C-alpha cells in the first residue's frame, strides 16, 4: 500500500491551480475549501486584486 499523500502538498497544489486560473471563482472556491489555511490569506489578497 502506498503511503498517504501529504495533505499540505495537496493544498499547495490547489492554491497554485487557483492562481493559474486567475479567476474570482477559482480563488473563492479555494478559500471556501481551506478557510483556515495560511494560503487562504494569500488567496484573499489575490481576490481583492482581481476585484478592483
C-alpha atoms as a PDB file:
ATOM      1  CA  UNK A   1       0.000   0.000   0.000  1.00  0.00           C
ATOM      2  CA  UNK A   2       1.491   3.387  -0.965  1.00  0.00           C
ATOM      3  CA  UNK A   3       1.981   5.975   1.767  1.00  0.00           C
ATOM      4  CA  UNK A   4      -0.718   8.592   2.250  1.00  0.00           C
ATOM      5  CA  UNK A   5      -0.275  11.791   0.287  1.00  0.00           C
ATOM      6  CA  UNK A   6       0.950  14.829   2.200  1.00  0.00           C
ATOM      7  CA  UNK A   7      -2.196  16.952   2.708  1.00  0.00           C
ATOM      8  CA  UNK A   8      -0.130  20.140   2.821  1.00  0.00           C
ATOM      9  CA  UNK A   9       1.161  19.413  -0.675  1.00  0.00           C
ATOM     10  CA  UNK A  10      -2.378  18.849  -1.945  1.00  0.00           C
ATOM     11  CA  UNK A  11      -3.499  22.231  -0.564  1.00  0.00           C
ATOM     12  CA  UNK A  12      -0.457  23.941  -2.105  1.00  0.00           C
ATOM     13  CA  UNK A  13      -1.283  22.410  -5.486  1.00  0.00           C
ATOM     14  CA  UNK A  14      -4.894  23.599  -5.221  1.00  0.00           C
ATOM     15  CA  UNK A  15      -3.679  27.100  -4.407  1.00  0.00           C
ATOM     16  CA  UNK A  16      -1.292  27.132  -7.355  1.00  0.00           C
ATOM     17  CA  UNK A  17      -4.094  25.971  -9.662  1.00  0.00           C
ATOM     18  CA  UNK A  18      -6.384  28.736  -8.406  1.00  0.00           C
ATOM     19  CA  UNK A  19      -3.629  31.278  -9.063  1.00  0.00           C
ATOM     20  CA  UNK A  20      -3.004  29.929 -12.569  1.00  0.00           C
ATOM     21  CA  UNK A  21      -6.720  30.069 -13.376  1.00  0.00           C
ATOM     22  CA  UNK A  22      -6.682  33.636 -12.028  1.00  0.00           C
ATOM     23  CA  UNK A  23     -10.466  33.880 -11.678  1.00  0.00           C
ATOM     24  CA  UNK A  24     -12.639  35.102  -8.841  1.00  0.00           C
ATOM     25  CA  UNK A  25     -14.438  31.762  -8.857  1.00  0.00           C
ATOM     26  CA  UNK A  26     -11.258  29.688  -8.506  1.00  0.00           C
ATOM     27  CA  UNK A  27      -9.942  31.799  -5.638  1.00  0.00           C
ATOM     28  CA  UNK A  28     -13.312  31.824  -3.859  1.00  0.00           C
ATOM     29  CA  UNK A  29     -13.503  28.034  -4.151  1.00  0.00           C
ATOM     30  CA  UNK A  30     -10.022  27.655  -2.688  1.00  0.00           C
ATOM     31  CA  UNK A  31     -10.919  29.957   0.225  1.00  0.00           C
ATOM     32  CA  UNK A  32     -14.179  28.093   0.838  1.00  0.00           C
ATOM     33  CA  UNK A  33     -12.393  24.733   0.883  1.00  0.00           C
ATOM     34  CA  UNK A  34      -9.443  25.876   3.040  1.00  0.00           C
ATOM     35  CA  UNK A  35     -10.571  28.955   5.019  1.00  0.00           C
ATOM     36  CA  UNK A  36      -8.101  28.459   7.875  1.00  0.00           C
ATOM     37  CA  UNK A  37      -5.051  27.573   5.809  1.00  0.00           C
ATOM     38  CA  UNK A  38      -2.333  30.250   5.661  1.00  0.00           C
ATOM     39  CA  UNK A  39      -2.603  30.185   1.866  1.00  0.00           C
ATOM     40  CA  UNK A  40      -6.197  31.378   2.173  1.00  0.00           C
ATOM     41  CA  UNK A  41      -4.844  34.774   3.247  1.00  0.00           C
ATOM     42  CA  UNK A  42      -2.797  34.926   0.046  1.00  0.00           C
ATOM     43  CA  UNK A  43      -5.843  33.861  -1.944  1.00  0.00           C
ATOM     44  CA  UNK A  44      -7.878  36.650  -0.327  1.00  0.00           C
ATOM     45  CA  UNK A  45      -5.212  39.158  -1.331  1.00  0.00           C
ATOM     46  CA  UNK A  46      -5.309  37.862  -4.917  1.00  0.00           C
ATOM     47  CA  UNK A  47      -9.104  38.036  -4.851  1.00  0.00           C
ATOM     48  CA  UNK A  48      -9.036  41.674  -3.755  1.00  0.00           C
ATOM     49  CA  UNK A  49      -6.576  42.445  -6.551  1.00  0.00           C
ATOM     50  CA  UNK A  50      -8.842  40.805  -9.133  1.00  0.00           C
ATOM     51  CA  UNK A  51     -11.919  42.597  -7.807  1.00  0.00           C
ATOM     52  CA  UNK A  52     -10.506  46.051  -8.431  1.00  0.00           C
END
